[in-house]
Amino acid sequence: VVGLNFAQMRRRAGRPAVGFSAARREAIAVLGGAFIGLVAALYLDRIPKVAEVVDGVIRVLPPGQYAVGRLRALTYGQVPVFDEGTWDLKISGMVDEPVTLSYREVRDLPGTLSVSDFHCVTGWTRFGNRWEGVAFRELMRMVGVQPGAAHVHVICEETYPEERNEDLLGRTSEEYTTGLPLEDVDRGDVLLAYILDGRELPAANGGPLRLVVPHKYGYKSAKWVREIRFSDRGLRGFWEARGYSDSADPFTDDRYSADRYG
């Protein structure tokens, strides 16, 4: 767009040819503008202040959503009580170096800030959330995800002991979980967050640590994360086993699974 507009202005100004033909100058202008646009798309949105400005100008609601002013807290079951002395995060499965991290060790990992929107499957969207935490790619790099791994299982604090999950293989579990293909977490804006809008992440919003997957409905951004397992097989998590879509794409209004209606 920048290049085409620049070329059009040159034509209107009737600038004489200097060194290059008019057609060649226009081609150079278009290519230059395209390069500037590519650089802007790749890098400028990584700057939090720029991302906030862009988010304020371009706010796109997915179908069936409405905007709210703050991140709401919807919880089925009791909010877990955080005890830093006993809390840990396990990363296991198809990795070269499984680890168990204390909360302080998680906080000591290289941090990142990401500004993104949050789309709840119940119908509301909150724009411009400022998440701070550990980039998921950093964790993948740290443990060395093996080539055969294709899925991530996220296991959370057990808050619903009376409920049971069933995964894609028919196995059941009482754990509060979600599952994602590896390509859905191997993205620059996916992280494990412990700060929201400059403050410690409230327990009701998933503190001390929650997954943030901005391009999915909120139930994929699992709260109270305690373990991450890399696997070659998929997992149907807590909400997915109860009729919600496994792909969870807000921009295609993909809320419910096909078998929800029998």
Protein backbone atom coordinates (compact mmCIF):
# COMPACT_ATOMS: atom_id res chain seq x y z
CA VAL A 1 0.00 0.00 0.00
CA VAL A 2 2.83 2.40 0.88
CA GLY A 3 4.59 1.62 -2.39
CA LEU A 4 1.50 2.01 -4.56
CA ASN A 5 0.58 5.33 -2.95
CA PHE A 6 4.11 6.62 -3.37
CA ALA A 7 4.13 5.64 -7.05
CA GLN A 8 0.76 7.31 -7.59
CA MET A 9 1.99 10.54 -6.00
CA ARG A 10 5.00 10.52 -8.29
CA ARG A 11 2.77 10.22 -11.32
CA ARG A 12 0.55 13.06 -10.18
CA ALA A 13 3.53 15.28 -9.54
CA GLY A 14 4.74 14.67 -13.10
CA ARG A 15 8.32 14.20 -11.95
CA PRO A 16 10.72 13.82 -14.90
CA ALA A 17 12.58 10.56 -15.34
CA VAL A 18 15.99 10.60 -13.70
CA GLY A 19 18.11 7.56 -14.35
CA PHE A 20 15.17 5.12 -14.45
CA SER A 21 12.06 4.86 -16.56
CA ALA A 22 8.74 5.76 -14.95
CA ALA A 23 7.67 2.09 -14.93
CA ARG A 24 10.89 1.03 -13.26
CA ARG A 25 10.61 3.76 -10.61
CA GLU A 26 7.07 2.63 -9.85
CA ALA A 27 8.21 -0.96 -9.53
CA ILE A 28 10.99 0.07 -7.14
CA ALA A 29 8.50 2.11 -5.09
CA VAL A 30 6.07 -0.81 -4.85
CA LEU A 31 8.81 -3.24 -3.81
CA GLY A 32 10.21 -0.76 -1.29
CA GLY A 33 6.80 -0.20 0.22
CA ALA A 34 6.20 -3.94 0.43
CA PHE A 35 9.53 -4.39 2.23
CA ILE A 36 8.66 -1.64 4.73
CA GLY A 37 5.28 -3.24 5.35
CA LEU A 38 6.86 -6.66 5.91
CA VAL A 39 9.36 -5.26 8.41
CA ALA A 40 6.55 -3.45 10.22
CA ALA A 41 4.40 -6.59 10.38
CA LEU A 42 7.26 -8.75 11.68
CA TYR A 43 8.86 -6.43 14.21
CA LEU A 44 6.86 -3.37 15.20
CA ASP A 45 4.04 -5.37 16.79
CA ARG A 46 6.62 -6.93 19.12
CA ILE A 47 7.10 -3.54 20.78
CA PRO A 48 4.44 -3.38 23.54
CA LYS A 49 3.61 0.33 23.08
CA VAL A 50 3.25 -0.11 19.33
CA ALA A 51 1.15 -3.23 19.85
CA GLU A 52 -1.16 -1.28 22.15
CA VAL A 53 -1.61 1.49 19.57
CA VAL A 54 -2.31 -1.03 16.81
CA ASP A 55 -4.73 -2.89 19.04
CA GLY A 56 -6.53 0.36 19.83
CA VAL A 57 -6.99 1.16 16.14
CA ILE A 58 -7.70 -2.32 14.80
CA ARG A 59 -10.07 -4.07 17.17
CA VAL A 60 -11.81 -6.92 15.46
CA LEU A 61 -14.52 -8.80 17.33
CA PRO A 62 -14.95 -12.43 16.37
CA PRO A 63 -18.51 -13.42 15.41
CA GLY A 64 -20.89 -13.63 18.35
CA GLN A 65 -18.60 -11.70 20.71
CA TYR A 66 -19.02 -8.36 22.54
CA ALA A 67 -16.31 -6.19 24.10
CA VAL A 68 -15.82 -5.75 27.86
CA GLY A 69 -13.56 -3.39 29.77
CA ARG A 70 -11.78 -5.85 32.03
CA LEU A 71 -10.76 -9.49 32.03
CA ARG A 72 -13.51 -11.43 33.72
CA ALA A 73 -12.96 -14.46 35.93
CA LEU A 74 -15.22 -17.45 35.27
CA THR A 75 -14.47 -20.52 37.36
CA TYR A 76 -16.17 -23.90 37.60
CA GLY A 77 -15.19 -25.27 40.97
CA GLN A 78 -13.01 -23.73 43.67
CA VAL A 79 -10.06 -21.43 43.05
CA PRO A 80 -6.89 -23.26 44.20
CA VAL A 81 -4.86 -21.85 47.07
CA PHE A 82 -1.28 -21.10 46.06
CA ASP A 83 1.52 -22.28 48.38
CA GLU A 84 4.87 -21.20 46.98
CA GLY A 85 6.70 -23.62 49.28
CA THR A 86 5.09 -26.70 47.72
CA TRP A 87 4.21 -25.46 44.23
CA ASP A 88 6.22 -26.71 41.24
CA LEU A 89 5.96 -26.95 37.47
CA LYS A 90 6.81 -30.22 35.73
CA ILE A 91 7.76 -30.43 32.05
CA SER A 92 7.91 -34.00 30.80
CA GLY A 93 7.06 -36.39 27.99
CA MET A 94 8.88 -36.33 24.66
CA VAL A 95 11.70 -34.02 25.73
CA ASP A 96 15.45 -34.44 26.05
CA GLU A 97 15.68 -32.90 29.52
CA PRO A 98 12.58 -33.21 31.74
CA VAL A 99 12.57 -30.62 34.51
CA THR A 100 10.72 -29.73 37.68
CA LEU A 101 10.83 -26.02 38.49
CA SER A 102 9.96 -24.18 41.68
CA TYR A 103 7.92 -21.01 41.39
CA ARG A 104 11.03 -18.89 41.96
CA GLU A 105 12.86 -20.79 39.21
CA VAL A 106 9.97 -20.09 36.82
CA ARG A 107 10.14 -16.39 37.68
CA ASP A 108 13.91 -16.39 37.13
CA LEU A 109 13.55 -17.63 33.53
CA PRO A 110 13.87 -15.01 30.76
CA GLY A 111 10.60 -13.08 30.70
CA THR A 112 8.56 -11.60 27.90
CA LEU A 113 5.68 -9.14 27.56
CA SER A 114 2.87 -9.80 25.10
CA VAL A 115 -0.18 -7.65 24.35
CA SER A 116 -3.10 -9.69 23.04
CA ASP A 117 -6.88 -10.05 23.04
CA PHE A 118 -8.82 -12.64 25.03
CA HIS A 119 -11.96 -14.26 23.63
CA CYS A 120 -14.16 -16.15 26.08
CA VAL A 121 -16.39 -18.87 24.65
CA THR A 122 -19.31 -17.44 26.68
CA GLY A 123 -19.35 -14.44 24.35
CA TRP A 124 -17.13 -11.65 25.64
CA THR A 125 -13.80 -10.28 24.41
CA ARG A 126 -11.31 -8.14 26.28
CA PHE A 127 -8.88 -6.24 24.04
CA GLY A 128 -5.26 -5.37 24.80
CA ASN A 129 -4.35 -7.57 27.78
CA ARG A 130 -0.74 -7.03 28.86
CA TRP A 131 0.61 -10.44 29.81
CA GLU A 132 4.07 -10.99 31.27
CA GLY A 133 5.59 -14.41 31.70
CA VAL A 134 7.72 -17.08 30.03
CA ALA A 135 7.40 -17.56 26.29
CA PHE A 136 6.31 -21.11 25.51
CA ARG A 137 9.05 -21.27 22.90
CA GLU A 138 11.58 -20.60 25.68
CA LEU A 139 10.34 -23.65 27.59
CA MET A 140 10.47 -25.77 24.42
CA ARG A 141 14.03 -24.67 23.79
CA MET A 142 15.03 -25.29 27.40
CA VAL A 143 13.82 -28.91 27.58
CA GLY A 144 14.58 -29.86 23.98
CA VAL A 145 11.31 -31.06 22.46
CA GLN A 146 11.89 -34.24 20.48
CA PRO A 147 11.12 -34.38 16.73
CA GLY A 148 8.28 -36.88 17.12
CA ALA A 149 6.29 -34.67 19.50
CA ALA A 150 3.13 -33.26 17.92
CA HIS A 151 0.89 -32.31 20.87
CA VAL A 152 1.03 -30.59 24.23
CA HIS A 153 -0.97 -31.75 27.26
CA VAL A 154 -1.41 -29.06 29.89
CA ILE A 155 -2.29 -30.40 33.34
CA CYS A 156 -3.58 -27.97 35.91
CA GLU A 157 -4.26 -27.78 39.62
CA GLU A 158 -6.92 -30.36 40.45
CA THR A 159 -10.02 -28.34 41.30
CA TYR A 160 -12.76 -30.73 40.18
CA PRO A 161 -12.00 -34.09 41.87
CA GLU A 162 -15.59 -35.32 41.35
CA GLU A 163 -15.38 -34.88 37.54
CA ARG A 164 -13.74 -37.23 35.06
CA ASN A 165 -12.13 -36.58 31.68
CA GLU A 166 -11.90 -38.91 28.72
CA ASP A 167 -9.13 -38.42 26.21
CA LEU A 168 -9.11 -39.36 22.53
CA LEU A 169 -8.01 -42.89 23.37
CA GLY A 170 -10.92 -43.47 25.74
CA ARG A 171 -8.81 -43.21 28.89
CA THR A 172 -10.24 -41.27 31.83
CA SER A 173 -8.64 -38.90 34.30
CA GLU A 174 -9.72 -36.62 37.11
CA GLU A 175 -7.18 -34.02 36.08
CA TYR A 176 -8.14 -30.58 34.80
CA THR A 177 -6.44 -30.51 31.41
CA THR A 178 -6.39 -29.12 27.93
CA GLY A 179 -4.60 -30.27 24.80
CA LEU A 180 -3.15 -28.41 21.83
CA PRO A 181 -1.24 -29.31 18.68
CA LEU A 182 2.40 -28.27 18.92
CA GLU A 183 2.03 -25.65 16.17
CA ASP A 184 -0.58 -23.83 18.27
CA VAL A 185 1.86 -23.19 21.11
CA ASP A 186 4.99 -22.70 18.99
CA ARG A 187 4.08 -19.05 18.42
CA GLY A 188 5.58 -15.80 19.65
CA ASP A 189 2.47 -14.64 21.55
CA VAL A 190 1.89 -17.88 23.50
CA LEU A 191 3.25 -17.83 27.03
CA LEU A 192 2.89 -18.96 30.60
CA ALA A 193 1.81 -15.77 32.35
CA TYR A 194 2.24 -14.61 35.93
CA ILE A 195 1.59 -10.87 35.44
CA LEU A 196 -1.56 -9.24 34.05
CA ASP A 197 -1.66 -5.51 33.28
CA GLY A 198 1.36 -4.80 35.48
CA ARG A 199 0.13 -6.73 38.55
CA GLU A 200 0.56 -10.24 39.87
CA LEU A 201 -1.93 -12.49 38.12
CA PRO A 202 -4.94 -12.91 40.44
CA ALA A 203 -5.77 -16.45 41.48
CA ALA A 204 -9.26 -16.16 39.99
CA ASN A 205 -7.68 -15.34 36.61
CA GLY A 206 -5.30 -18.32 36.79
CA GLY A 207 -2.54 -17.20 39.12
CA PRO A 208 0.13 -18.06 39.93
CA LEU A 209 0.62 -19.36 36.37
CA ARG A 210 -1.67 -19.73 33.39
CA LEU A 211 -1.30 -20.58 29.74
CA VAL A 212 -2.15 -17.78 27.28
CA VAL A 213 -3.09 -18.83 23.72
CA PRO A 214 -4.57 -15.64 22.18
CA HIS A 215 -5.79 -17.17 18.90
CA LYS A 216 -8.04 -19.69 20.69
CA TYR A 217 -11.09 -19.41 22.92
CA GLY A 218 -10.18 -18.83 26.55
CA TYR A 219 -10.67 -22.39 27.77
CA LYS A 220 -7.53 -23.33 25.84
CA SER A 221 -5.64 -20.75 27.93
CA ALA A 222 -5.74 -23.09 30.91
CA LYS A 223 -5.51 -21.65 34.41
CA TRP A 224 -3.35 -22.89 37.34
CA VAL A 225 -0.85 -24.81 35.21
CA ARG A 226 1.21 -27.44 37.05
CA GLU A 227 2.51 -29.77 34.36
CA ILE A 228 3.26 -29.72 30.63
CA ARG A 229 3.66 -32.98 28.72
CA PHE A 230 4.82 -33.26 25.13
CA SER A 231 3.38 -36.22 23.26
CA ASP A 232 2.85 -37.73 19.83
CA ARG A 233 -0.86 -38.16 20.63
CA GLY A 234 -3.67 -35.69 21.18
CA LEU A 235 -5.64 -35.14 24.37
CA ARG A 236 -9.25 -34.08 24.74
CA GLY A 237 -9.22 -31.91 27.84
CA PHE A 238 -11.69 -31.07 30.58
CA TRP A 239 -13.88 -28.67 28.60
CA GLU A 240 -13.43 -30.42 25.29
CA ALA A 241 -14.75 -33.65 26.86
CA ARG A 242 -17.84 -31.69 27.87
CA GLY A 243 -18.86 -30.61 24.40
CA TYR A 244 -16.60 -27.68 23.54
CA SER A 245 -14.65 -27.60 20.29
CA ASP A 246 -11.12 -28.96 20.31
CA SER A 247 -10.00 -26.50 17.63
CA ALA A 248 -11.61 -23.54 19.48
CA ASP A 249 -11.17 -20.92 16.74
CA PRO A 250 -13.02 -17.72 17.73
CA PHE A 251 -12.92 -16.22 14.23
CA THR A 252 -14.85 -19.14 12.76
CA ASP A 253 -17.29 -19.22 15.72
CA ASP A 254 -16.09 -22.75 16.46
CA ARG A 255 -17.43 -23.13 20.02
CA TYR A 256 -18.88 -26.63 20.23
CA SER A 257 -17.88 -30.07 19.05
CA ALA A 258 -20.02 -31.99 16.58
CA ASP A 259 -20.90 -34.67 19.14
CA ARG A 260 -22.28 -32.10 21.60
CA TYR A 261 -25.69 -32.54 20.05
CA GLY A 262 -25.56 -36.30 19.97
